[in-house]
Amino acid sequence: MAFEAFRQRIGSIIGGFDAAQAHRRLRGFRASRAHVNTLIAASGDTITARARWLVRNNGYAANAVESFASNVVGDGIKPSSTIADAAKKEELQALWLAWTDDADAEGLTDFYGLQRRAAREVFLSGEVFFRIRPRRVEDGLTVPLQLQMLPAEMLPLDMNRTLPGAGLIRQGIEFDGIGRRVAYHFLRRHPGDLTDPGLTNETVRVPAADVIHVLDPVEAGQLRGVSRFAAAIVKLFTLDLYDDAELERKKIAAMFAMFITSPAPETPLEPTEEDLEVEPGQVVRLDPGEDVSTPATPDSGGTYELFQYRTLLQVAAALGIPYGYLTGDTAKGNFSNTRISLIEFRRRISALQHGVLVFQLCRAVWSRWMDVAVLSGAIDLPGYDQQRRQYQACDWLPTKWDWIDPMKDASAEILQIESGLKSRTQAISERGYDAEQVDREIAAERKRELSLGLDFRRPGSPAQGPGAASGKDDKQGDEKDDDAPEDAEDEPAPKDEP
């Protein structure tokens, strides 16, 4: 403490950064120097519990987490294999699609539903775990593999100890001597689930190869996740209390209360009459000397709406959710402002899709799934052991963004393709589809239309190819040329007149 006081005194003398001074304005600003792991170990479970409470009881919080999950995952982040063999690729994609229905060990959703639940958990608690569960071939699954989702509370934050040798356990994660994760020590029972008869505080060691840890670390060296609600919990909770108080005040003000003042009765022991009940539209005659008064109820005035708006703007900024997505209020912004906020939001979501969900979850599941699919005989990929990396290469395609202005956005995309600034493959991939599969569907559709004498392509559309708009005229011109006489140079020259 003596050194800290000396350091602050020296800082106040030499000046420098105003943000580091200890003058009156910043006297109450006592920032912790503890590492994020220490802070999460001390309060991470409390933050997660409060975040879950808000989502269960606060409409804004519930809307925020659903909006986040829907934009991050949507219909699913789907793989598109880059195998050169078109037949093998189609077989592999069909097998994957069939397995997605078997992916959930609980049988409640498919693989893309698990992605959505993972996005919710990352928003709520900052992390989520998936345990890879190999199954027997006789279980009847498309590929004998399933995923079991485990919430953050299943990995105890307070488990820290040194192991024999060079290993150690930090916040439930076991590391070897060079800092690699080798195992996770999960609780057998959720600490808050009283309906589970399992033993309390009993843990099981699961190898790291069978665990997928999904989190979005915000600081270097961070081991466990922290809820995205951390910066918004206080404001959301106090705003909820304020709203409740306003509702109660309005409820009391809506009750038309009256106080009847009567002169003192002549006989003190004489029983008073029953209370006067007033109904809407009723005309009441009072006894002589009686007076009626109504209490004055305070009004919130014109500041309530502005206060709500500004507070919810701060909450939206803390959660990283646009104001309209948080509140469902679309009347506060014009088209340009809404477009700017959506573009910024989508950039953040795109970074999280590829940097967190795809890198940590999708790639790990795809790699393990292909290994099990080949080993179980569900698919035959010649030379898989020597070309494993080439076979596992794939692109992950998020759900397409809905166009803000469909006509302008579509026209701009067509212009980019025609000018060579973007390929059709890139445009189709950005919409969440596989270009090769789309081309096959289009070819099959054109063939069916041709057999039926149909063509639904717009005249002059790029889909018809060059010169398609004048194809009919060209055909008619060709027919005329067939009936026309040969060129003059091929005809015999006329004889001279005598």
Protein backbone atom coordinates (compact mmCIF):
# COMPACT_ATOMS: atom_id res chain seq x y z
CA MET A 1 0.00 0.00 0.00
CA ALA A 2 2.87 2.36 0.78
CA PHE A 3 4.36 1.82 -2.68
CA GLU A 4 0.95 2.36 -4.31
CA ALA A 5 0.46 5.66 -2.48
CA PHE A 6 3.98 6.73 -3.43
CA ARG A 7 3.36 5.83 -7.07
CA GLN A 8 0.10 7.82 -7.17
CA ARG A 9 1.83 10.81 -5.55
CA ILE A 10 4.59 10.71 -8.17
CA GLY A 11 1.94 10.44 -10.91
CA SER A 12 0.09 13.49 -9.64
CA ILE A 13 3.35 15.47 -9.64
CA ILE A 14 4.63 14.59 -13.09
CA GLY A 15 1.17 14.61 -14.74
CA GLY A 16 0.83 12.66 -17.98
CA PHE A 17 -2.34 10.71 -18.68
CA ASP A 18 -5.32 12.33 -17.02
CA ALA A 19 -7.08 8.95 -16.94
CA ALA A 20 -4.43 7.65 -14.49
CA GLN A 21 -4.63 10.56 -12.03
CA ALA A 22 -6.09 10.23 -8.52
CA HIS A 23 -7.70 13.65 -8.27
CA ARG A 24 -11.19 14.34 -6.96
CA ARG A 25 -13.07 13.44 -10.14
CA LEU A 26 -11.59 9.92 -10.24
CA ARG A 27 -11.29 9.29 -6.53
CA GLY A 28 -14.06 6.69 -6.59
CA PHE A 29 -12.76 4.98 -9.74
CA ARG A 30 -11.01 1.90 -8.33
CA ALA A 31 -10.30 -0.42 -11.26
CA SER A 32 -9.27 -3.97 -10.48
CA ARG A 33 -5.89 -5.17 -11.75
CA ALA A 34 -6.89 -8.82 -11.45
CA HIS A 35 -6.70 -11.03 -14.55
CA VAL A 36 -9.94 -11.92 -16.27
CA ASN A 37 -9.60 -15.54 -15.09
CA THR A 38 -9.58 -14.35 -11.47
CA LEU A 39 -12.63 -12.17 -12.06
CA ILE A 40 -14.54 -14.99 -13.79
CA ALA A 41 -13.65 -17.43 -11.01
CA ALA A 42 -14.95 -14.97 -8.42
CA SER A 43 -18.19 -13.86 -10.10
CA GLY A 44 -18.75 -15.79 -13.32
CA ASP A 45 -21.40 -18.10 -11.88
CA THR A 46 -23.31 -15.15 -10.37
CA ILE A 47 -23.28 -13.25 -13.68
CA THR A 48 -24.54 -16.32 -15.54
CA ALA A 49 -27.30 -16.92 -12.98
CA ARG A 50 -28.47 -13.30 -13.24
CA ALA A 51 -28.36 -13.41 -17.04
CA ARG A 52 -30.53 -16.54 -17.08
CA TRP A 53 -32.96 -14.91 -14.64
CA LEU A 54 -33.30 -11.86 -16.87
CA VAL A 55 -33.96 -13.98 -19.97
CA ARG A 56 -36.67 -15.86 -18.10
CA ASN A 57 -38.33 -12.75 -16.68
CA ASN A 58 -37.42 -9.71 -18.80
CA GLY A 59 -38.85 -9.26 -22.28
CA TYR A 60 -35.96 -7.18 -23.58
CA ALA A 61 -33.39 -9.77 -22.45
CA ALA A 62 -35.38 -12.63 -23.96
CA ASN A 63 -35.71 -10.75 -27.24
CA ALA A 64 -31.99 -9.96 -27.32
CA VAL A 65 -30.84 -13.57 -26.94
CA GLU A 66 -33.34 -14.85 -29.51
CA SER A 67 -32.33 -12.15 -31.98
CA PHE A 68 -28.65 -12.95 -31.50
CA ALA A 69 -29.12 -16.70 -32.02
CA SER A 70 -31.37 -16.24 -35.04
CA ASN A 71 -28.88 -13.95 -36.78
CA VAL A 72 -25.80 -16.02 -35.93
CA VAL A 73 -27.27 -19.38 -37.00
CA GLY A 74 -30.58 -18.83 -38.75
CA ASP A 75 -31.47 -22.04 -40.59
CA GLY A 76 -27.98 -23.38 -39.94
CA ILE A 77 -24.33 -22.95 -40.93
CA LYS A 78 -24.02 -25.73 -43.50
CA PRO A 79 -20.97 -27.47 -45.02
CA SER A 80 -20.16 -27.61 -48.72
CA SER A 81 -17.49 -30.22 -49.44
CA THR A 82 -14.76 -29.30 -51.92
CA ILE A 83 -14.20 -32.89 -53.13
CA ALA A 84 -13.47 -32.78 -56.87
CA ASP A 85 -15.43 -35.98 -57.61
CA ALA A 86 -18.99 -34.67 -58.11
CA ALA A 87 -20.59 -38.07 -57.44
CA LYS A 88 -18.65 -38.60 -54.19
CA LYS A 89 -19.41 -35.06 -53.09
CA GLU A 90 -23.13 -35.55 -53.64
CA GLU A 91 -23.03 -38.86 -51.76
CA LEU A 92 -21.14 -37.25 -48.87
CA GLN A 93 -23.53 -34.27 -48.66
CA ALA A 94 -26.55 -36.59 -48.67
CA LEU A 95 -25.06 -38.70 -45.86
CA TRP A 96 -24.33 -35.58 -43.80
CA LEU A 97 -27.86 -34.25 -44.28
CA ALA A 98 -29.31 -37.58 -43.14
CA TRP A 99 -27.03 -37.63 -40.07
CA THR A 100 -27.99 -34.12 -38.91
CA ASP A 101 -31.30 -35.56 -37.70
CA ASP A 102 -29.39 -38.05 -35.50
CA ALA A 103 -26.81 -35.57 -34.17
CA ASP A 104 -28.49 -34.62 -30.87
CA ALA A 105 -27.90 -37.20 -28.12
CA GLU A 106 -31.08 -35.99 -26.41
CA GLY A 107 -33.09 -36.35 -29.62
CA LEU A 108 -34.68 -32.90 -29.27
CA THR A 109 -33.37 -31.22 -32.42
CA ASP A 110 -30.97 -31.65 -35.34
CA PHE A 111 -27.39 -30.45 -35.75
CA TYR A 112 -28.48 -26.99 -36.87
CA GLY A 113 -30.75 -26.76 -33.86
CA LEU A 114 -27.71 -27.56 -31.71
CA GLN A 115 -25.90 -24.68 -33.41
CA ARG A 116 -28.72 -22.33 -32.44
CA ARG A 117 -28.72 -23.58 -28.85
CA ALA A 118 -24.95 -23.13 -28.75
CA ALA A 119 -25.30 -19.52 -29.92
CA ARG A 120 -27.85 -18.87 -27.14
CA GLU A 121 -25.54 -20.36 -24.52
CA VAL A 122 -22.55 -18.35 -25.72
CA PHE A 123 -24.65 -15.19 -25.42
CA LEU A 124 -26.02 -16.17 -22.00
CA SER A 125 -23.04 -17.69 -20.22
CA GLY A 126 -20.17 -16.94 -22.59
CA GLU A 127 -19.47 -20.60 -23.36
CA VAL A 128 -20.93 -24.03 -23.99
CA PHE A 129 -19.53 -27.55 -24.17
CA PHE A 130 -20.26 -30.46 -26.48
CA ARG A 131 -19.25 -33.98 -25.57
CA ILE A 132 -18.67 -36.23 -28.58
CA ARG A 133 -20.42 -39.55 -27.93
CA PRO A 134 -19.41 -42.48 -30.18
CA ARG A 135 -22.23 -45.01 -30.63
CA ARG A 136 -22.46 -48.65 -31.60
CA VAL A 137 -23.18 -49.60 -35.19
CA GLU A 138 -26.19 -51.60 -34.02
CA ASP A 139 -27.75 -48.41 -32.60
CA GLY A 140 -29.07 -47.80 -36.11
CA LEU A 141 -27.72 -44.28 -36.61
CA THR A 142 -26.75 -43.04 -40.07
CA VAL A 143 -23.23 -42.49 -38.69
CA PRO A 144 -22.57 -43.88 -35.17
CA LEU A 145 -21.83 -40.51 -33.57
CA GLN A 146 -23.83 -38.03 -31.47
CA LEU A 147 -23.30 -34.77 -29.60
CA GLN A 148 -24.26 -34.06 -25.99
CA MET A 149 -24.56 -30.39 -25.08
CA LEU A 150 -23.38 -29.39 -21.59
CA PRO A 151 -23.99 -25.93 -20.09
CA ALA A 152 -21.22 -23.86 -18.51
CA GLU A 153 -22.34 -24.73 -14.97
CA MET A 154 -21.33 -28.37 -15.55
CA LEU A 155 -17.62 -27.44 -15.45
CA PRO A 156 -16.79 -26.14 -11.95
CA LEU A 157 -15.00 -22.81 -11.84
CA ASP A 158 -13.52 -23.49 -8.41
CA MET A 159 -11.62 -26.67 -9.36
CA ASN A 160 -7.95 -25.62 -9.29
CA ARG A 161 -5.13 -27.91 -8.22
CA THR A 162 -1.69 -29.21 -9.16
CA LEU A 163 -1.42 -32.78 -10.45
CA PRO A 164 1.44 -35.22 -9.98
CA GLY A 165 4.10 -34.52 -12.58
CA ALA A 166 3.84 -31.31 -14.58
CA GLY A 167 0.07 -31.15 -15.04
CA LEU A 168 -2.50 -28.94 -13.34
CA ILE A 169 -6.25 -28.23 -13.33
CA ARG A 170 -7.46 -24.65 -13.77
CA GLN A 171 -11.17 -23.85 -13.54
CA GLY A 172 -12.06 -27.47 -14.32
CA ILE A 173 -9.71 -27.76 -17.33
CA GLU A 174 -6.70 -30.07 -17.12
CA PHE A 175 -3.46 -28.93 -18.79
CA ASP A 176 -0.21 -30.77 -19.42
CA GLY A 177 3.30 -29.42 -18.84
CA ILE A 178 3.36 -27.30 -22.02
CA GLY A 179 -0.13 -25.80 -21.60
CA ARG A 180 -2.16 -28.11 -23.84
CA ARG A 181 -5.70 -29.01 -22.81
CA VAL A 182 -5.80 -32.74 -22.13
CA ALA A 183 -9.09 -33.22 -20.23
CA TYR A 184 -12.20 -31.60 -18.75
CA HIS A 185 -13.55 -32.48 -15.29
CA PHE A 186 -17.33 -32.24 -15.61
CA LEU A 187 -19.86 -32.61 -12.83
CA ARG A 188 -22.06 -35.69 -13.17
CA ARG A 189 -25.09 -33.62 -12.17
CA HIS A 190 -26.02 -30.01 -12.81
CA PRO A 191 -25.45 -28.21 -9.49
CA GLY A 192 -28.84 -26.50 -9.71
CA ASP A 193 -30.96 -29.43 -10.92
CA LEU A 194 -32.63 -30.94 -7.86
CA THR A 195 -34.64 -33.39 -9.98
CA ASP A 196 -31.49 -35.36 -10.89
CA PRO A 197 -30.82 -38.07 -8.28
CA GLY A 198 -27.12 -38.20 -9.19
CA LEU A 199 -24.41 -37.59 -6.65
CA THR A 200 -23.71 -33.94 -5.91
CA ASN A 201 -20.22 -32.56 -6.65
CA GLU A 202 -19.04 -35.84 -8.19
CA THR A 203 -16.92 -35.20 -11.29
CA VAL A 204 -15.86 -37.29 -14.27
CA ARG A 205 -12.72 -36.80 -16.34
CA VAL A 206 -13.40 -36.54 -20.10
CA PRO A 207 -10.46 -36.44 -22.56
CA ALA A 208 -10.12 -33.17 -24.43
CA ALA A 209 -10.33 -35.04 -27.74
CA ASP A 210 -13.97 -35.83 -26.91
CA VAL A 211 -14.92 -32.29 -25.84
CA ILE A 212 -15.69 -29.21 -27.94
CA HIS A 213 -15.39 -25.99 -25.94
CA VAL A 214 -17.15 -23.08 -27.66
CA LEU A 215 -16.41 -19.60 -26.28
CA ASP A 216 -15.64 -16.11 -27.50
CA PRO A 217 -12.62 -14.97 -25.44
CA VAL A 218 -12.34 -11.23 -24.96
CA GLU A 219 -8.89 -11.11 -23.33
CA ALA A 220 -5.59 -12.90 -23.88
CA GLY A 221 -5.14 -15.99 -21.72
CA GLN A 222 -8.85 -16.28 -20.93
CA LEU A 223 -9.86 -19.86 -20.05
CA ARG A 224 -13.61 -19.62 -19.52
CA GLY A 225 -16.34 -17.52 -21.07
CA VAL A 226 -18.23 -14.58 -19.62
CA SER A 227 -21.84 -13.66 -20.37
CA ARG A 228 -22.54 -10.93 -22.91
CA PHE A 229 -25.07 -9.63 -20.39
CA ALA A 230 -22.27 -8.65 -17.98
CA ALA A 231 -22.25 -5.00 -19.09
CA ALA A 232 -26.04 -4.73 -19.22
CA ILE A 233 -27.33 -6.64 -16.20
CA VAL A 234 -27.45 -3.68 -13.81
CA LYS A 235 -29.29 -1.37 -16.21
CA LEU A 236 -31.74 -4.06 -17.35
CA PHE A 237 -32.61 -5.03 -13.80
CA THR A 238 -33.00 -1.47 -12.47
CA LEU A 239 -35.00 -0.47 -15.56
CA ASP A 240 -37.28 -3.43 -14.90
CA LEU A 241 -37.80 -2.24 -11.32
CA TYR A 242 -38.54 1.28 -12.56
CA ASP A 243 -41.09 -0.03 -15.06
CA ASP A 244 -42.80 -2.05 -12.33
CA ALA A 245 -43.01 1.05 -10.14
CA GLU A 246 -44.50 3.06 -13.03
CA LEU A 247 -47.09 0.35 -13.70
CA GLU A 248 -48.10 0.29 -10.03
CA ARG A 249 -48.36 4.09 -9.97
CA LYS A 250 -50.57 4.06 -13.06
CA LYS A 251 -52.67 1.29 -11.56
CA ILE A 252 -53.22 3.29 -8.38
CA ALA A 253 -53.95 6.46 -10.36
CA ALA A 254 -56.56 4.60 -12.41
CA MET A 255 -58.47 3.69 -9.27
CA PHE A 256 -60.80 6.69 -8.77
CA ALA A 257 -60.59 7.03 -4.97
CA MET A 258 -62.84 9.44 -3.04
CA PHE A 259 -62.82 10.65 0.52
CA ILE A 260 -66.17 11.71 2.07
CA THR A 261 -65.89 14.13 4.97
CA SER A 262 -68.94 14.26 7.27
CA PRO A 263 -69.65 16.35 10.38
CA ALA A 264 -69.27 14.58 13.69
CA PRO A 265 -72.37 12.53 14.59
CA GLU A 266 -74.58 13.86 17.33
CA THR A 267 -74.42 10.55 19.18
CA PRO A 268 -70.84 9.20 19.37
CA LEU A 269 -72.05 5.61 19.90
CA GLU A 270 -74.28 5.74 16.84
CA PRO A 271 -72.98 3.27 14.19
CA THR A 272 -71.71 4.85 11.01
CA GLU A 273 -73.38 4.14 7.70
CA GLU A 274 -71.88 1.80 5.12
CA ASP A 275 -69.27 3.13 2.69
CA LEU A 276 -70.64 4.88 -0.35
CA GLU A 277 -70.05 2.85 -3.56
CA VAL A 278 -69.79 4.81 -6.80
CA GLU A 279 -70.44 3.28 -10.22
CA PRO A 280 -69.71 4.79 -13.66
CA GLY A 281 -72.34 7.38 -14.64
CA GLN A 282 -73.97 7.28 -11.24
CA VAL A 283 -75.48 10.49 -9.72
CA VAL A 284 -75.02 10.50 -5.96
CA ARG A 285 -76.76 12.80 -3.55
CA LEU A 286 -74.81 13.57 -0.41
CA ASP A 287 -76.25 14.41 2.94
CA PRO A 288 -76.11 18.03 4.05
CA GLY A 289 -72.69 18.92 5.34
CA GLU A 290 -70.87 16.07 3.55
CA ASP A 291 -67.96 16.89 1.23
CA VAL A 292 -66.17 14.72 -1.39
CA SER A 293 -62.47 15.06 -2.24
CA THR A 294 -60.19 13.02 -4.57
CA PRO A 295 -56.45 12.53 -4.05
CA ALA A 296 -54.02 14.10 -6.50
CA THR A 297 -51.82 11.43 -8.13
CA PRO A 298 -48.40 12.40 -9.51
CA ASP A 299 -47.75 11.99 -13.24
CA SER A 300 -44.50 10.85 -14.88
CA GLY A 301 -44.73 13.73 -17.33
CA GLY A 302 -42.99 13.76 -20.69
CA THR A 303 -39.65 12.36 -19.49
CA TYR A 304 -40.66 8.70 -19.26
CA GLU A 305 -40.40 7.93 -22.99
CA LEU A 306 -37.06 9.75 -23.41
CA PHE A 307 -35.60 8.09 -20.32
CA GLN A 308 -36.67 4.65 -21.54
CA TYR A 309 -35.23 5.28 -25.01
CA ARG A 310 -31.83 6.44 -23.79
CA THR A 311 -31.53 3.63 -21.26
CA LEU A 312 -32.45 0.99 -23.82
CA LEU A 313 -29.91 2.50 -26.24
CA GLN A 314 -27.22 1.91 -23.60
CA VAL A 315 -28.46 -1.65 -23.04
CA ALA A 316 -28.43 -2.32 -26.80
CA ALA A 317 -24.86 -1.01 -27.05
CA ALA A 318 -23.76 -3.18 -24.12
CA LEU A 319 -25.32 -6.31 -25.67
CA GLY A 320 -24.12 -5.53 -29.20
CA ILE A 321 -27.70 -5.73 -30.51
CA PRO A 322 -29.35 -3.00 -32.64
CA TYR A 323 -31.99 -1.02 -30.77
CA GLY A 324 -34.76 -2.24 -33.06
CA TYR A 325 -33.76 -5.89 -32.55
CA LEU A 326 -33.70 -5.42 -28.78
CA THR A 327 -37.04 -3.66 -28.41
CA GLY A 328 -38.95 -4.45 -31.59
CA ASP A 329 -39.43 -0.68 -31.99
CA THR A 330 -38.99 0.29 -35.64
CA ALA A 331 -40.35 3.82 -35.33
CA LYS A 332 -37.20 5.41 -33.90
CA GLY A 333 -34.98 5.27 -36.98
CA ASN A 334 -35.19 6.06 -40.66
CA PHE A 335 -34.13 3.75 -43.49
CA SER A 336 -30.54 5.05 -43.72
CA ASN A 337 -29.86 4.80 -39.99
CA THR A 338 -31.38 1.33 -39.85
CA ARG A 339 -29.27 0.19 -42.79
CA ILE A 340 -26.06 1.48 -41.18
CA SER A 341 -26.79 -0.28 -37.89
CA LEU A 342 -27.66 -3.54 -39.67
CA ILE A 343 -24.45 -3.47 -41.73
CA GLU A 344 -22.37 -2.98 -38.59
CA PHE A 345 -24.32 -5.71 -36.74
CA ARG A 346 -23.89 -8.15 -39.61
CA ARG A 347 -20.14 -7.57 -39.69
CA ARG A 348 -19.92 -8.48 -36.03
CA ILE A 349 -22.12 -11.52 -36.54
CA SER A 350 -20.09 -12.66 -39.55
CA ALA A 351 -16.87 -12.42 -37.54
CA LEU A 352 -18.39 -14.50 -34.75
CA GLN A 353 -19.81 -17.06 -37.19
CA HIS A 354 -16.46 -17.82 -38.79
CA GLY A 355 -14.15 -17.14 -35.84
CA VAL A 356 -16.13 -18.99 -33.17
CA LEU A 357 -18.92 -21.28 -34.35
CA VAL A 358 -17.30 -22.48 -37.57
CA PHE A 359 -13.74 -22.69 -36.25
CA GLN A 360 -14.50 -24.22 -32.85
CA LEU A 361 -17.69 -26.23 -33.39
CA CYS A 362 -18.42 -26.95 -37.05
CA ARG A 363 -14.89 -27.89 -38.11
CA ALA A 364 -14.41 -30.19 -35.12
CA VAL A 365 -17.72 -31.98 -35.70
CA TRP A 366 -17.13 -32.34 -39.45
CA SER A 367 -13.63 -33.77 -38.94
CA ARG A 368 -14.75 -36.32 -36.34
CA TRP A 369 -17.88 -37.18 -38.31
CA MET A 370 -15.94 -37.96 -41.49
CA ASP A 371 -13.50 -40.19 -39.58
CA VAL A 372 -16.36 -42.16 -38.03
CA ALA A 373 -18.29 -42.29 -41.31
CA VAL A 374 -15.31 -43.86 -43.14
CA LEU A 375 -14.38 -46.24 -40.30
CA SER A 376 -17.97 -47.44 -39.89
CA GLY A 377 -18.35 -48.05 -43.62
CA ALA A 378 -21.11 -45.49 -44.05
CA ILE A 379 -19.19 -44.07 -47.01
CA ASP A 380 -16.24 -45.26 -49.08
CA LEU A 381 -13.55 -42.67 -49.77
CA PRO A 382 -10.56 -44.33 -51.48
CA GLY A 383 -7.22 -43.36 -49.94
CA TYR A 384 -8.84 -41.49 -47.07
CA ASP A 385 -6.00 -42.23 -44.64
CA GLN A 386 -3.41 -40.71 -46.99
CA GLN A 387 -5.62 -37.82 -48.22
CA ARG A 388 -7.56 -37.05 -45.06
CA ARG A 389 -6.97 -33.30 -45.19
CA GLN A 390 -8.06 -33.08 -48.83
CA TYR A 391 -11.22 -35.09 -48.20
CA GLN A 392 -12.17 -33.03 -45.12
CA ALA A 393 -11.76 -29.67 -46.85
CA CYS A 394 -15.08 -27.85 -47.08
CA ASP A 395 -16.68 -24.41 -47.02
CA TRP A 396 -19.17 -23.48 -44.32
CA LEU A 397 -22.09 -21.43 -45.61
CA PRO A 398 -24.11 -19.36 -43.12
CA THR A 399 -27.76 -18.56 -43.76
CA LYS A 400 -28.15 -15.71 -46.24
CA TRP A 401 -28.95 -12.25 -44.98
CA ASP A 402 -32.36 -10.93 -45.96
CA TRP A 403 -32.06 -8.02 -48.37
CA ILE A 404 -32.87 -4.62 -46.91
CA ASP A 405 -34.00 -3.26 -50.30
CA PRO A 406 -34.51 -6.37 -52.52
CA MET A 407 -34.73 -4.53 -55.84
CA LYS A 408 -31.61 -2.39 -55.32
CA ASP A 409 -29.60 -5.16 -53.67
CA ALA A 410 -30.41 -7.69 -56.40
CA SER A 411 -29.60 -5.18 -59.16
CA ALA A 412 -26.28 -4.33 -57.52
CA GLU A 413 -25.36 -8.01 -57.22
CA ILE A 414 -26.20 -8.70 -60.88
CA LEU A 415 -24.12 -5.68 -61.91
CA GLN A 416 -21.15 -6.95 -59.89
CA ILE A 417 -21.38 -10.39 -61.52
CA GLU A 418 -21.69 -8.96 -65.05
CA SER A 419 -18.76 -6.58 -64.52
CA GLY A 420 -16.52 -9.36 -63.21
CA LEU A 421 -16.25 -8.02 -59.66
CA LYS A 422 -17.91 -11.12 -58.22
CA SER A 423 -18.47 -14.68 -59.41
CA ARG A 424 -21.78 -16.49 -59.38
CA THR A 425 -20.21 -19.05 -57.05
CA GLN A 426 -19.37 -16.31 -54.55
CA ALA A 427 -22.81 -14.73 -54.84
CA ILE A 428 -24.56 -18.07 -54.30
CA SER A 429 -22.27 -18.97 -51.39
CA GLU A 430 -23.04 -15.65 -49.69
CA ARG A 431 -26.70 -16.63 -49.81
CA GLY A 432 -25.97 -19.89 -47.99
CA TYR A 433 -26.16 -22.32 -50.92
CA ASP A 434 -23.76 -24.60 -52.77
CA ALA A 435 -23.15 -23.25 -56.29
CA GLU A 436 -22.70 -26.70 -57.84
CA GLN A 437 -25.94 -27.97 -56.35
CA VAL A 438 -27.79 -24.84 -57.52
CA ASP A 439 -26.41 -25.27 -61.05
CA ARG A 440 -27.54 -28.88 -61.14
CA GLU A 441 -31.02 -27.88 -60.02
CA ILE A 442 -31.18 -25.12 -62.64
CA ALA A 443 -30.05 -27.51 -65.39
CA ALA A 444 -32.66 -30.07 -64.37
CA GLU A 445 -35.31 -27.37 -64.28
CA ARG A 446 -34.39 -26.05 -67.74
CA LYS A 447 -34.55 -29.60 -69.13
CA ARG A 448 -38.01 -30.14 -67.65
CA GLU A 449 -39.24 -26.80 -68.96
CA LEU A 450 -37.91 -27.60 -72.44
CA SER A 451 -39.73 -30.94 -72.50
CA LEU A 452 -42.97 -29.15 -71.57
CA GLY A 453 -42.43 -26.23 -73.92
CA LEU A 454 -42.04 -23.73 -71.07
CA ASP A 455 -39.55 -20.96 -70.37
CA PHE A 456 -40.02 -18.76 -67.32
CA ARG A 457 -36.84 -16.74 -67.80
CA ARG A 458 -37.34 -13.04 -68.23
CA PRO A 459 -36.65 -11.87 -71.81
CA GLY A 460 -33.21 -10.33 -71.97
CA SER A 461 -32.19 -11.93 -68.67
CA PRO A 462 -28.51 -12.88 -68.29
CA ALA A 463 -29.75 -16.42 -67.62
CA GLN A 464 -30.71 -16.71 -71.29
CA GLY A 465 -27.20 -16.02 -72.51
CA PRO A 466 -25.91 -13.55 -75.14
CA GLY A 467 -28.29 -12.76 -77.98
CA ALA A 468 -31.19 -14.53 -76.31
CA ALA A 469 -33.42 -11.50 -76.55
CA SER A 470 -33.27 -11.53 -80.37
CA GLY A 471 -33.05 -15.29 -80.81
CA LYS A 472 -36.48 -15.55 -82.42
CA ASP A 473 -35.68 -12.90 -85.02
CA ASP A 474 -32.36 -14.56 -85.81
CA LYS A 475 -34.11 -17.86 -86.38
CA GLN A 476 -36.61 -16.29 -88.73
CA GLY A 477 -33.74 -14.60 -90.60
CA ASP A 478 -32.01 -17.94 -91.03
CA GLU A 479 -35.17 -19.43 -92.52
CA LYS A 480 -35.41 -16.58 -95.02
CA ASP A 481 -31.79 -17.06 -96.04
CA ASP A 482 -32.46 -20.73 -96.78
CA ASP A 483 -35.18 -19.79 -99.31
CA ALA A 484 -33.28 -16.88 -100.82
CA PRO A 485 -31.27 -17.24 -104.09
CA GLU A 486 -27.53 -17.75 -103.89
CA ASP A 487 -25.19 -14.79 -103.78
CA ALA A 488 -24.64 -12.86 -107.00
CA GLU A 489 -21.02 -13.91 -107.25
CA ASP A 490 -22.11 -17.54 -107.42
CA GLU A 491 -24.65 -16.86 -110.23
CA PRO A 492 -23.57 -17.00 -113.90
CA ALA A 493 -22.86 -13.62 -115.38
CA PRO A 494 -25.60 -12.33 -117.77
CA LYS A 495 -24.84 -12.39 -121.50
CA ASP A 496 -24.23 -9.14 -123.35
CA GLU A 497 -27.02 -7.78 -125.50
CA PRO A 498 -26.40 -8.04 -129.25
